[in-house]
Amino acid sequence: MLPRVKDVKPNKDYTLTLVFTNGEIGIFDMKPYLNIGIFKELKDWNMFKTVKPFLGSIQWLHEQDLCPDTLYLESEKKS
């Protein structure tokens, strides 16, 4: 099983700084998702910044979420 998210911080450039259970830190770019269905309302910074860790993944105020594997595999890891 891939590492899960234990903390998340929204960034002003619509990326997310993710801390994974294995200690790695990754940057996940949400911009490609912001024109897709349920994610459109996250273009509003006040909605975007409601993101919280949730059951090994992340979730926003209106229950938008992403697969934890996608978050890990597609995030750019910081060294």
N, C-alpha and C. Protein backbone atom coordinates (compact mmCIF):
# COMPACT_ATOMS: atom_id res chain seq x y z
N MET A 1 0.84 -1.18 0.00
CA MET A 1 0.00 0.00 0.00
C MET A 1 0.89 1.24 0.00
N LEU A 2 0.48 2.22 -0.79
CA LEU A 2 1.23 3.47 -0.87
C LEU A 2 0.98 4.32 0.39
N PRO A 3 1.92 5.22 0.70
CA PRO A 3 1.74 6.11 1.85
C PRO A 3 0.45 6.92 1.72
N ARG A 4 -0.09 7.30 2.84
CA ARG A 4 -1.31 8.10 2.89
C ARG A 4 -0.99 9.51 3.39
N VAL A 5 -1.92 10.41 3.18
CA VAL A 5 -1.75 11.81 3.60
C VAL A 5 -2.01 11.93 5.09
N LYS A 6 -1.08 12.59 5.80
CA LYS A 6 -1.34 12.87 7.21
C LYS A 6 -1.51 14.36 7.49
N ASP A 7 -1.08 15.21 6.53
CA ASP A 7 -1.29 16.65 6.68
C ASP A 7 -1.33 17.29 5.30
N VAL A 8 -2.05 18.41 5.20
CA VAL A 8 -2.16 19.13 3.93
C VAL A 8 -2.20 20.62 4.22
N LYS A 9 -1.54 21.38 3.33
CA LYS A 9 -1.56 22.84 3.41
C LYS A 9 -1.88 23.39 2.03
N PRO A 10 -2.94 24.20 1.90
CA PRO A 10 -3.24 24.81 0.60
C PRO A 10 -2.28 25.96 0.33
N ASN A 11 -1.84 26.09 -0.90
CA ASN A 11 -0.94 27.16 -1.31
C ASN A 11 -1.67 28.10 -2.26
N LYS A 12 -1.30 29.39 -2.22
CA LYS A 12 -1.98 30.42 -3.02
C LYS A 12 -1.96 30.15 -4.53
N ASP A 13 -1.02 29.32 -5.00
CA ASP A 13 -0.95 29.02 -6.43
C ASP A 13 -1.79 27.78 -6.79
N TYR A 14 -2.71 27.40 -5.92
CA TYR A 14 -3.61 26.26 -6.12
C TYR A 14 -2.86 24.93 -6.22
N THR A 15 -1.78 24.86 -5.46
CA THR A 15 -1.13 23.58 -5.22
C THR A 15 -1.38 23.22 -3.77
N LEU A 16 -1.10 21.99 -3.43
CA LEU A 16 -1.24 21.50 -2.06
C LEU A 16 0.10 20.95 -1.60
N THR A 17 0.53 21.33 -0.43
CA THR A 17 1.70 20.72 0.18
C THR A 17 1.18 19.58 1.04
N LEU A 18 1.63 18.38 0.71
CA LEU A 18 1.15 17.16 1.38
C LEU A 18 2.27 16.53 2.19
N VAL A 19 1.96 16.11 3.39
CA VAL A 19 2.88 15.33 4.20
C VAL A 19 2.31 13.92 4.27
N PHE A 20 3.12 12.96 3.86
CA PHE A 20 2.67 11.57 3.81
C PHE A 20 3.13 10.79 5.04
N THR A 21 2.49 9.66 5.27
CA THR A 21 2.77 8.85 6.45
C THR A 21 4.19 8.31 6.48
N ASN A 22 4.88 8.29 5.36
CA ASN A 22 6.27 7.83 5.34
C ASN A 22 7.26 8.98 5.55
N GLY A 23 6.74 10.18 5.81
CA GLY A 23 7.58 11.35 6.06
C GLY A 23 7.88 12.17 4.83
N GLU A 24 7.58 11.67 3.64
CA GLU A 24 7.83 12.44 2.42
C GLU A 24 6.89 13.63 2.35
N ILE A 25 7.36 14.67 1.68
CA ILE A 25 6.55 15.86 1.43
C ILE A 25 6.42 15.99 -0.08
N GLY A 26 5.19 16.23 -0.53
CA GLY A 26 4.94 16.37 -1.95
C GLY A 26 4.12 17.61 -2.25
N ILE A 27 4.26 18.12 -3.47
CA ILE A 27 3.46 19.24 -3.95
C ILE A 27 2.54 18.69 -5.04
N PHE A 28 1.25 18.84 -4.83
CA PHE A 28 0.26 18.36 -5.79
C PHE A 28 -0.42 19.56 -6.42
N ASP A 29 -0.41 19.62 -7.75
CA ASP A 29 -0.98 20.74 -8.51
C ASP A 29 -2.47 20.47 -8.77
N MET A 30 -3.32 21.28 -8.19
CA MET A 30 -4.77 21.14 -8.39
C MET A 30 -5.29 21.88 -9.61
N LYS A 31 -4.48 22.75 -10.22
CA LYS A 31 -4.97 23.57 -11.32
C LYS A 31 -5.61 22.77 -12.46
N PRO A 32 -5.07 21.61 -12.86
CA PRO A 32 -5.72 20.85 -13.94
C PRO A 32 -7.12 20.34 -13.58
N TYR A 33 -7.45 20.28 -12.32
CA TYR A 33 -8.74 19.75 -11.88
C TYR A 33 -9.81 20.84 -11.73
N LEU A 34 -9.41 22.10 -11.69
CA LEU A 34 -10.32 23.18 -11.32
C LEU A 34 -11.38 23.52 -12.35
N ASN A 35 -11.31 22.94 -13.53
CA ASN A 35 -12.35 23.14 -14.55
C ASN A 35 -13.21 21.89 -14.73
N ILE A 36 -13.10 20.97 -13.79
CA ILE A 36 -13.82 19.69 -13.90
C ILE A 36 -14.90 19.62 -12.82
N GLY A 37 -16.14 19.49 -13.27
CA GLY A 37 -17.29 19.20 -12.41
C GLY A 37 -17.24 19.72 -10.99
N ILE A 38 -17.17 18.78 -10.04
CA ILE A 38 -17.27 19.12 -8.62
C ILE A 38 -16.12 19.97 -8.11
N PHE A 39 -15.03 20.04 -8.85
CA PHE A 39 -13.87 20.80 -8.40
C PHE A 39 -13.93 22.28 -8.80
N LYS A 40 -14.88 22.66 -9.68
CA LYS A 40 -14.95 24.04 -10.17
C LYS A 40 -15.08 25.06 -9.06
N GLU A 41 -15.85 24.75 -8.02
CA GLU A 41 -16.03 25.73 -6.95
C GLU A 41 -14.75 25.97 -6.15
N LEU A 42 -13.74 25.10 -6.33
CA LEU A 42 -12.48 25.28 -5.62
C LEU A 42 -11.62 26.38 -6.23
N LYS A 43 -12.06 26.95 -7.35
CA LYS A 43 -11.38 28.12 -7.91
C LYS A 43 -11.49 29.30 -6.96
N ASP A 44 -12.52 29.28 -6.13
CA ASP A 44 -12.70 30.31 -5.09
C ASP A 44 -11.72 29.98 -3.96
N TRP A 45 -10.78 30.90 -3.71
CA TRP A 45 -9.75 30.65 -2.70
C TRP A 45 -10.35 30.28 -1.35
N ASN A 46 -11.45 30.92 -0.98
CA ASN A 46 -12.06 30.63 0.32
C ASN A 46 -12.55 29.18 0.40
N MET A 47 -12.96 28.61 -0.71
CA MET A 47 -13.34 27.18 -0.73
C MET A 47 -12.10 26.30 -0.78
N PHE A 48 -11.14 26.70 -1.61
CA PHE A 48 -9.93 25.90 -1.78
C PHE A 48 -9.21 25.69 -0.45
N LYS A 49 -9.16 26.72 0.35
CA LYS A 49 -8.41 26.64 1.60
C LYS A 49 -9.12 25.85 2.70
N THR A 50 -10.31 25.30 2.42
CA THR A 50 -11.01 24.47 3.42
C THR A 50 -10.50 23.03 3.43
N VAL A 51 -9.51 22.71 2.62
CA VAL A 51 -9.00 21.34 2.52
C VAL A 51 -8.44 20.87 3.87
N LYS A 52 -8.72 19.61 4.18
CA LYS A 52 -8.25 18.99 5.42
C LYS A 52 -7.86 17.54 5.13
N PRO A 53 -6.97 16.96 5.94
CA PRO A 53 -6.71 15.52 5.82
C PRO A 53 -7.99 14.76 6.18
N PHE A 54 -8.23 13.65 5.49
CA PHE A 54 -9.43 12.87 5.75
C PHE A 54 -9.19 11.41 5.39
N LEU A 55 -9.15 10.55 6.37
CA LEU A 55 -9.02 9.09 6.17
C LEU A 55 -7.88 8.72 5.22
N GLY A 56 -6.73 9.34 5.39
CA GLY A 56 -5.57 9.03 4.57
C GLY A 56 -5.52 9.77 3.25
N SER A 57 -6.51 10.57 3.00
CA SER A 57 -6.56 11.38 1.79
C SER A 57 -6.82 12.82 2.22
N ILE A 58 -7.50 13.58 1.35
CA ILE A 58 -7.88 14.96 1.67
C ILE A 58 -9.34 15.15 1.29
N GLN A 59 -9.94 16.17 1.89
CA GLN A 59 -11.33 16.48 1.56
C GLN A 59 -11.59 17.96 1.80
N TRP A 60 -12.44 18.54 0.93
CA TRP A 60 -12.85 19.93 1.08
C TRP A 60 -14.21 20.01 1.74
N LEU A 61 -14.63 21.22 2.02
CA LEU A 61 -15.86 21.50 2.75
C LEU A 61 -17.08 20.79 2.16
N HIS A 62 -17.21 20.77 0.85
CA HIS A 62 -18.36 20.14 0.21
C HIS A 62 -18.06 18.71 -0.25
N GLU A 63 -17.11 18.08 0.42
CA GLU A 63 -16.78 16.66 0.27
C GLU A 63 -16.08 16.29 -1.03
N GLN A 64 -15.51 17.27 -1.75
CA GLN A 64 -14.67 16.91 -2.88
C GLN A 64 -13.44 16.21 -2.31
N ASP A 65 -12.99 15.18 -3.00
CA ASP A 65 -11.80 14.47 -2.54
C ASP A 65 -11.07 13.87 -3.73
N LEU A 66 -9.89 13.37 -3.45
CA LEU A 66 -9.08 12.70 -4.47
C LEU A 66 -8.56 11.39 -3.89
N CYS A 67 -8.27 10.45 -4.77
CA CYS A 67 -7.72 9.16 -4.36
C CYS A 67 -6.34 9.38 -3.71
N PRO A 68 -6.09 8.79 -2.55
CA PRO A 68 -4.78 8.97 -1.91
C PRO A 68 -3.63 8.46 -2.77
N ASP A 69 -3.85 7.43 -3.58
CA ASP A 69 -2.79 6.94 -4.47
C ASP A 69 -2.45 7.98 -5.53
N THR A 70 -3.46 8.65 -6.07
CA THR A 70 -3.24 9.72 -7.05
C THR A 70 -2.42 10.84 -6.42
N LEU A 71 -2.79 11.22 -5.20
CA LEU A 71 -2.05 12.28 -4.52
C LEU A 71 -0.59 11.93 -4.35
N TYR A 72 -0.31 10.69 -3.98
CA TYR A 72 1.08 10.27 -3.77
C TYR A 72 1.84 10.16 -5.09
N LEU A 73 1.25 9.45 -6.04
CA LEU A 73 1.95 9.17 -7.30
C LEU A 73 2.15 10.42 -8.16
N GLU A 74 1.24 11.35 -8.12
CA GLU A 74 1.31 12.52 -8.99
C GLU A 74 1.86 13.77 -8.30
N SER A 75 2.24 13.66 -7.05
CA SER A 75 2.82 14.84 -6.40
C SER A 75 4.33 14.88 -6.66
N GLU A 76 4.84 16.09 -6.74
CA GLU A 76 6.28 16.28 -6.92
C GLU A 76 6.91 16.26 -5.53
N LYS A 77 7.77 15.29 -5.31
CA LYS A 77 8.37 15.12 -3.99
C LYS A 77 9.47 16.14 -3.76
N LYS A 78 9.48 16.71 -2.56
CA LYS A 78 10.53 17.65 -2.16
C LYS A 78 11.64 16.85 -1.48
N SER A 79 12.86 17.24 -1.76
CA SER A 79 13.96 16.50 -1.13
C SER A 79 14.50 17.21 0.07
